[in-house]
Amino acid sequence: MGYRMNVDSLNMGIIVAVLIVISILLRSYLLLKYNWVGKDVFYHLLIAKEIRKNKKLPETVNYFIFPEEYNYPPFLHVFLSLFKEKYHQKLQFMSIIFDIVTGILIFIVVVHTFNIWIAIFSTMLYFMTPISIDNSLTLGPRSIANMYMVAALFSLFYFFNTDIAIFAIFAAIFKMRIRL
């Protein structure tokens, strides 16, 4: 019996690993082929360049026909401003990494809550959803915020099902991180 469980666990691990590899390849293909992908990449890089140059967040963005108020969560722009421009292209993979971590988080929570098959299905559904793929391809705050949102929701789920206060604290921390 124990041997069968180990073989089943190994098979499930292989299935999950294949899902993750397919997801990484699917998300990385366009970046590797065209070098720059995404609709908002240059906006975020322009803001990061301005922060690096002026050492502060901009109040308005003057790179377009009509100036607009700067209203993005600043974490990504400040983070990008810490790196020289020659590294920005490599940092595009950061969104893919956050998206893969979100998928792994979904798998871990669902496998502990339900079963392995529902966890595999949920993870596959997340990894293959077009909006998830699109958000992970662009260097922007969406994949980071998505990871924190999923972590906050799962923390709340565990808090309501276990009454363990630490999960409520985690949910609050993750929720606050979404706006950074």
C-alpha atoms as a PDB file:
ATOM      1  CA  MET A   1       0.000   0.000   0.000  1.00  0.00           C
ATOM      2  CA  GLY A   2       2.739   2.467   0.946  1.00  0.00           C
ATOM      3  CA  TYR A   3       4.617   1.751  -2.273  1.00  0.00           C
ATOM      4  CA  ARG A   4       1.491   2.502  -4.351  1.00  0.00           C
ATOM      5  CA  MET A   5       1.016   5.807  -2.560  1.00  0.00           C
ATOM      6  CA  ASN A   6       4.613   6.759  -3.325  1.00  0.00           C
ATOM      7  CA  VAL A   7       4.181   5.894  -7.000  1.00  0.00           C
ATOM      8  CA  ASP A   8       0.918   7.888  -7.123  1.00  0.00           C
ATOM      9  CA  SER A   9       2.596  10.824  -5.391  1.00  0.00           C
ATOM     10  CA  LEU A  10       5.460  10.643  -7.875  1.00  0.00           C
ATOM     11  CA  ASN A  11       3.014  10.595 -10.807  1.00  0.00           C
ATOM     12  CA  MET A  12       1.131  13.587  -9.401  1.00  0.00           C
ATOM     13  CA  GLY A  13       4.392  15.426  -8.881  1.00  0.00           C
ATOM     14  CA  ILE A  14       5.332  14.758 -12.497  1.00  0.00           C
ATOM     15  CA  ILE A  15       1.929  16.037 -13.703  1.00  0.00           C
ATOM     16  CA  VAL A  16       2.296  19.235 -11.671  1.00  0.00           C
ATOM     17  CA  ALA A  17       5.887  19.723 -12.851  1.00  0.00           C
ATOM     18  CA  VAL A  18       4.784  19.295 -16.477  1.00  0.00           C
ATOM     19  CA  LEU A  19       1.999  21.860 -15.934  1.00  0.00           C
ATOM     20  CA  ILE A  20       4.494  24.353 -14.538  1.00  0.00           C
ATOM     21  CA  VAL A  21       7.005  23.768 -17.355  1.00  0.00           C
ATOM     22  CA  ILE A  22       4.291  24.167 -20.031  1.00  0.00           C
ATOM     23  CA  SER A  23       3.127  27.352 -18.340  1.00  0.00           C
ATOM     24  CA  ILE A  24       6.655  28.774 -18.196  1.00  0.00           C
ATOM     25  CA  LEU A  25       7.297  27.896 -21.849  1.00  0.00           C
ATOM     26  CA  LEU A  26       3.964  29.346 -22.950  1.00  0.00           C
ATOM     27  CA  ARG A  27       4.636  32.577 -21.097  1.00  0.00           C
ATOM     28  CA  SER A  28       8.316  32.815 -22.046  1.00  0.00           C
ATOM     29  CA  TYR A  29       7.993  32.065 -25.758  1.00  0.00           C
ATOM     30  CA  LEU A  30       7.021  35.574 -26.854  1.00  0.00           C
ATOM     31  CA  LEU A  31       9.571  37.217 -24.578  1.00  0.00           C
ATOM     32  CA  LEU A  32      12.332  35.012 -25.910  1.00  0.00           C
ATOM     33  CA  LYS A  33      11.235  35.449 -29.523  1.00  0.00           C
ATOM     34  CA  TYR A  34      10.523  39.206 -29.622  1.00  0.00           C
ATOM     35  CA  ASN A  35      12.472  40.487 -26.578  1.00  0.00           C
ATOM     36  CA  TRP A  36       9.752  42.959 -25.532  1.00  0.00           C
ATOM     37  CA  VAL A  37       6.131  42.030 -25.028  1.00  0.00           C
ATOM     38  CA  GLY A  38       3.182  43.763 -23.438  1.00  0.00           C
ATOM     39  CA  LYS A  39       1.024  46.775 -23.803  1.00  0.00           C
ATOM     40  CA  ASP A  40       2.199  48.703 -20.731  1.00  0.00           C
ATOM     41  CA  VAL A  41       5.901  47.848 -20.620  1.00  0.00           C
ATOM     42  CA  PHE A  42       7.220  51.130 -21.945  1.00  0.00           C
ATOM     43  CA  TYR A  43       4.922  53.199 -19.728  1.00  0.00           C
ATOM     44  CA  HIS A  44       6.308  51.457 -16.650  1.00  0.00           C
ATOM     45  CA  LEU A  45       9.874  51.778 -17.889  1.00  0.00           C
ATOM     46  CA  LEU A  46       9.417  55.495 -18.590  1.00  0.00           C
ATOM     47  CA  ILE A  47       8.112  56.036 -15.072  1.00  0.00           C
ATOM     48  CA  ALA A  48      11.023  54.036 -13.623  1.00  0.00           C
ATOM     49  CA  LYS A  49      13.468  56.100 -15.676  1.00  0.00           C
ATOM     50  CA  GLU A  50      11.914  59.312 -14.374  1.00  0.00           C
ATOM     51  CA  ILE A  51      12.102  58.090 -10.769  1.00  0.00           C
ATOM     52  CA  ARG A  52      15.738  57.114 -11.255  1.00  0.00           C
ATOM     53  CA  LYS A  53      16.526  60.521 -12.748  1.00  0.00           C
ATOM     54  CA  ASN A  54      14.556  62.716 -10.298  1.00  0.00           C
ATOM     55  CA  LYS A  55      14.817  60.484  -7.195  1.00  0.00           C
ATOM     56  CA  LYS A  56      11.072  60.809  -6.507  1.00  0.00           C
ATOM     57  CA  LEU A  57       7.688  59.665  -7.789  1.00  0.00           C
ATOM     58  CA  PRO A  58       6.272  61.853 -10.542  1.00  0.00           C
ATOM     59  CA  GLU A  59       3.094  63.814  -9.909  1.00  0.00           C
ATOM     60  CA  THR A  60       2.162  63.876 -13.600  1.00  0.00           C
ATOM     61  CA  VAL A  61       3.234  61.869 -16.615  1.00  0.00           C
ATOM     62  CA  ASN A  62       4.207  64.155 -19.508  1.00  0.00           C
ATOM     63  CA  TYR A  63       5.137  61.556 -22.126  1.00  0.00           C
ATOM     64  CA  PHE A  64       1.828  61.601 -23.986  1.00  0.00           C
ATOM     65  CA  ILE A  65      -0.225  64.084 -26.005  1.00  0.00           C
ATOM     66  CA  PHE A  66      -2.081  65.066 -22.851  1.00  0.00           C
ATOM     67  CA  PRO A  67      -0.322  64.944 -19.479  1.00  0.00           C
ATOM     68  CA  GLU A  68      -1.941  62.591 -17.009  1.00  0.00           C
ATOM     69  CA  GLU A  69      -1.870  62.239 -13.259  1.00  0.00           C
ATOM     70  CA  TYR A  70       0.435  59.518 -11.959  1.00  0.00           C
ATOM     71  CA  ASN A  71      -1.836  57.042 -10.183  1.00  0.00           C
ATOM     72  CA  TYR A  72      -0.234  53.587 -10.386  1.00  0.00           C
ATOM     73  CA  PRO A  73       0.824  51.610  -7.326  1.00  0.00           C
ATOM     74  CA  PRO A  74       4.457  52.747  -6.949  1.00  0.00           C
ATOM     75  CA  PHE A  75       6.186  49.511  -5.864  1.00  0.00           C
ATOM     76  CA  LEU A  76       6.966  48.235  -9.371  1.00  0.00           C
ATOM     77  CA  HIS A  77       8.184  51.615 -10.632  1.00  0.00           C
ATOM     78  CA  VAL A  78      10.419  52.200  -7.617  1.00  0.00           C
ATOM     79  CA  PHE A  79      11.745  48.628  -7.893  1.00  0.00           C
ATOM     80  CA  LEU A  80      12.508  49.045 -11.618  1.00  0.00           C
ATOM     81  CA  SER A  81      14.212  52.379 -10.952  1.00  0.00           C
ATOM     82  CA  LEU A  82      16.793  50.574  -8.811  1.00  0.00           C
ATOM     83  CA  PHE A  83      18.153  48.815 -11.908  1.00  0.00           C
ATOM     84  CA  LYS A  84      20.041  50.276 -14.818  1.00  0.00           C
ATOM     85  CA  GLU A  85      18.151  50.300 -18.110  1.00  0.00           C
ATOM     86  CA  LYS A  86      20.251  47.480 -19.555  1.00  0.00           C
ATOM     87  CA  TYR A  87      18.638  45.084 -17.025  1.00  0.00           C
ATOM     88  CA  HIS A  88      15.015  46.073 -17.701  1.00  0.00           C
ATOM     89  CA  GLN A  89      14.549  43.579 -20.498  1.00  0.00           C
ATOM     90  CA  LYS A  90      15.596  40.722 -18.230  1.00  0.00           C
ATOM     91  CA  LEU A  91      13.236  41.980 -15.510  1.00  0.00           C
ATOM     92  CA  GLN A  92      10.255  41.230 -17.774  1.00  0.00           C
ATOM     93  CA  PHE A  93      10.521  37.648 -16.544  1.00  0.00           C
ATOM     94  CA  MET A  94       9.591  38.916 -13.082  1.00  0.00           C
ATOM     95  CA  SER A  95       5.899  38.921 -14.058  1.00  0.00           C
ATOM     96  CA  ILE A  96       6.156  35.334 -15.257  1.00  0.00           C
ATOM     97  CA  ILE A  97       7.767  34.298 -11.978  1.00  0.00           C
ATOM     98  CA  PHE A  98       5.011  35.944  -9.911  1.00  0.00           C
ATOM     99  CA  ASP A  99       2.394  34.258 -12.094  1.00  0.00           C
ATOM    100  CA  ILE A 100       4.011  30.826 -11.667  1.00  0.00           C
ATOM    101  CA  VAL A 101       4.170  31.376  -7.886  1.00  0.00           C
ATOM    102  CA  THR A 102       0.435  32.205  -7.972  1.00  0.00           C
ATOM    103  CA  GLY A 103      -0.288  28.941  -9.801  1.00  0.00           C
ATOM    104  CA  ILE A 104       1.796  26.962  -7.316  1.00  0.00           C
ATOM    105  CA  LEU A 105      -0.017  28.681  -4.438  1.00  0.00           C
ATOM    106  CA  ILE A 106      -3.360  27.723  -5.992  1.00  0.00           C
ATOM    107  CA  PHE A 107      -2.198  24.123  -6.308  1.00  0.00           C
ATOM    108  CA  ILE A 108      -0.966  23.895  -2.712  1.00  0.00           C
ATOM    109  CA  VAL A 109      -4.126  25.366  -1.205  1.00  0.00           C
ATOM    110  CA  VAL A 110      -6.514  23.343  -3.372  1.00  0.00           C
ATOM    111  CA  VAL A 111      -4.689  20.047  -2.829  1.00  0.00           C
ATOM    112  CA  HIS A 112      -4.929  20.549   0.954  1.00  0.00           C
ATOM    113  CA  THR A 113      -8.543  21.661   0.750  1.00  0.00           C
ATOM    114  CA  PHE A 114      -9.944  19.178  -1.774  1.00  0.00           C
ATOM    115  CA  ASN A 115      -7.872  16.564  -3.597  1.00  0.00           C
ATOM    116  CA  ILE A 116      -5.067  16.198  -6.109  1.00  0.00           C
ATOM    117  CA  TRP A 117      -7.307  16.026  -9.185  1.00  0.00           C
ATOM    118  CA  ILE A 118      -9.188  19.207  -8.336  1.00  0.00           C
ATOM    119  CA  ALA A 119      -5.835  20.860  -7.563  1.00  0.00           C
ATOM    120  CA  ILE A 120      -4.406  19.839 -10.947  1.00  0.00           C
ATOM    121  CA  PHE A 121      -7.552  21.005 -12.732  1.00  0.00           C
ATOM    122  CA  SER A 122      -7.572  24.342 -10.851  1.00  0.00           C
ATOM    123  CA  THR A 123      -3.905  24.940 -11.546  1.00  0.00           C
ATOM    124  CA  MET A 124      -4.281  24.036 -15.215  1.00  0.00           C
ATOM    125  CA  LEU A 125      -7.301  26.307 -15.498  1.00  0.00           C
ATOM    126  CA  TYR A 126      -5.373  29.192 -13.975  1.00  0.00           C
ATOM    127  CA  PHE A 127      -2.254  28.610 -16.083  1.00  0.00           C
ATOM    128  CA  MET A 128      -4.191  28.335 -19.351  1.00  0.00           C
ATOM    129  CA  THR A 129      -6.630  31.228 -18.867  1.00  0.00           C
ATOM    130  CA  PRO A 130      -5.888  33.852 -21.557  1.00  0.00           C
ATOM    131  CA  ILE A 131      -6.107  36.840 -19.191  1.00  0.00           C
ATOM    132  CA  SER A 132      -3.637  35.158 -16.842  1.00  0.00           C
ATOM    133  CA  ILE A 133      -1.235  34.570 -19.714  1.00  0.00           C
ATOM    134  CA  ASP A 134      -1.665  38.132 -20.988  1.00  0.00           C
ATOM    135  CA  ASN A 135      -1.072  39.660 -17.546  1.00  0.00           C
ATOM    136  CA  SER A 136       2.088  37.637 -17.037  1.00  0.00           C
ATOM    137  CA  LEU A 137       3.542  38.716 -20.374  1.00  0.00           C
ATOM    138  CA  THR A 138       3.672  42.400 -19.608  1.00  0.00           C
ATOM    139  CA  LEU A 139       6.043  44.000 -17.161  1.00  0.00           C
ATOM    140  CA  GLY A 140       3.451  45.545 -14.908  1.00  0.00           C
ATOM    141  CA  PRO A 141       1.951  45.380 -11.433  1.00  0.00           C
ATOM    142  CA  ARG A 142      -0.929  43.044 -12.373  1.00  0.00           C
ATOM    143  CA  SER A 143       0.832  39.709 -11.807  1.00  0.00           C
ATOM    144  CA  ILE A 144       2.260  40.925  -8.492  1.00  0.00           C
ATOM    145  CA  ALA A 145      -1.139  42.185  -7.327  1.00  0.00           C
ATOM    146  CA  ASN A 146      -2.777  38.983  -8.538  1.00  0.00           C
ATOM    147  CA  MET A 147      -0.419  36.879  -6.416  1.00  0.00           C
ATOM    148  CA  TYR A 148      -1.152  38.980  -3.325  1.00  0.00           C
ATOM    149  CA  MET A 149      -4.904  38.872  -4.009  1.00  0.00           C
ATOM    150  CA  VAL A 150      -4.884  35.061  -4.278  1.00  0.00           C
ATOM    151  CA  ALA A 151      -2.820  34.815  -1.078  1.00  0.00           C
ATOM    152  CA  ALA A 152      -5.225  37.182   0.723  1.00  0.00           C
ATOM    153  CA  LEU A 153      -8.301  35.236  -0.420  1.00  0.00           C
ATOM    154  CA  PHE A 154      -6.825  31.901   0.611  1.00  0.00           C
ATOM    155  CA  SER A 155      -5.754  33.348   3.963  1.00  0.00           C
ATOM    156  CA  LEU A 156      -9.316  34.564   4.552  1.00  0.00           C
ATOM    157  CA  PHE A 157     -10.666  31.165   3.518  1.00  0.00           C
ATOM    158  CA  TYR A 158      -8.432  29.435   6.055  1.00  0.00           C
ATOM    159  CA  PHE A 159      -9.287  31.980   8.754  1.00  0.00           C
ATOM    160  CA  PHE A 160     -13.040  31.449   8.322  1.00  0.00           C
ATOM    161  CA  ASN A 161     -12.609  27.663   8.325  1.00  0.00           C
ATOM    162  CA  THR A 162     -10.160  27.349  11.227  1.00  0.00           C
ATOM    163  CA  ASP A 163     -10.653  30.491  13.372  1.00  0.00           C
ATOM    164  CA  ILE A 164      -6.882  30.787  13.636  1.00  0.00           C
ATOM    165  CA  ALA A 165      -6.153  34.508  13.913  1.00  0.00           C
ATOM    166  CA  ILE A 166      -2.799  34.397  12.099  1.00  0.00           C
ATOM    167  CA  PHE A 167      -4.640  33.756   8.825  1.00  0.00           C
ATOM    168  CA  ALA A 168      -6.607  37.003   9.282  1.00  0.00           C
ATOM    169  CA  ILE A 169      -3.339  38.845   9.872  1.00  0.00           C
ATOM    170  CA  PHE A 170      -1.843  37.278   6.722  1.00  0.00           C
ATOM    171  CA  ALA A 171      -4.948  38.270   4.754  1.00  0.00           C
ATOM    172  CA  ALA A 172      -4.618  41.874   5.935  1.00  0.00           C
ATOM    173  CA  ILE A 173      -0.902  41.983   5.087  1.00  0.00           C
ATOM    174  CA  PHE A 174      -1.446  40.506   1.619  1.00  0.00           C
ATOM    175  CA  LYS A 175      -4.361  42.889   1.012  1.00  0.00           C
ATOM    176  CA  MET A 176      -2.174  45.866   1.917  1.00  0.00           C
ATOM    177  CA  ARG A 177       0.556  44.625  -0.420  1.00  0.00           C
ATOM    178  CA  ILE A 178      -1.832  44.729  -3.396  1.00  0.00           C
ATOM    179  CA  ARG A 179      -1.782  48.544  -3.407  1.00  0.00           C
ATOM    180  CA  LEU A 180       1.997  48.839  -3.256  1.00  0.00           C
END
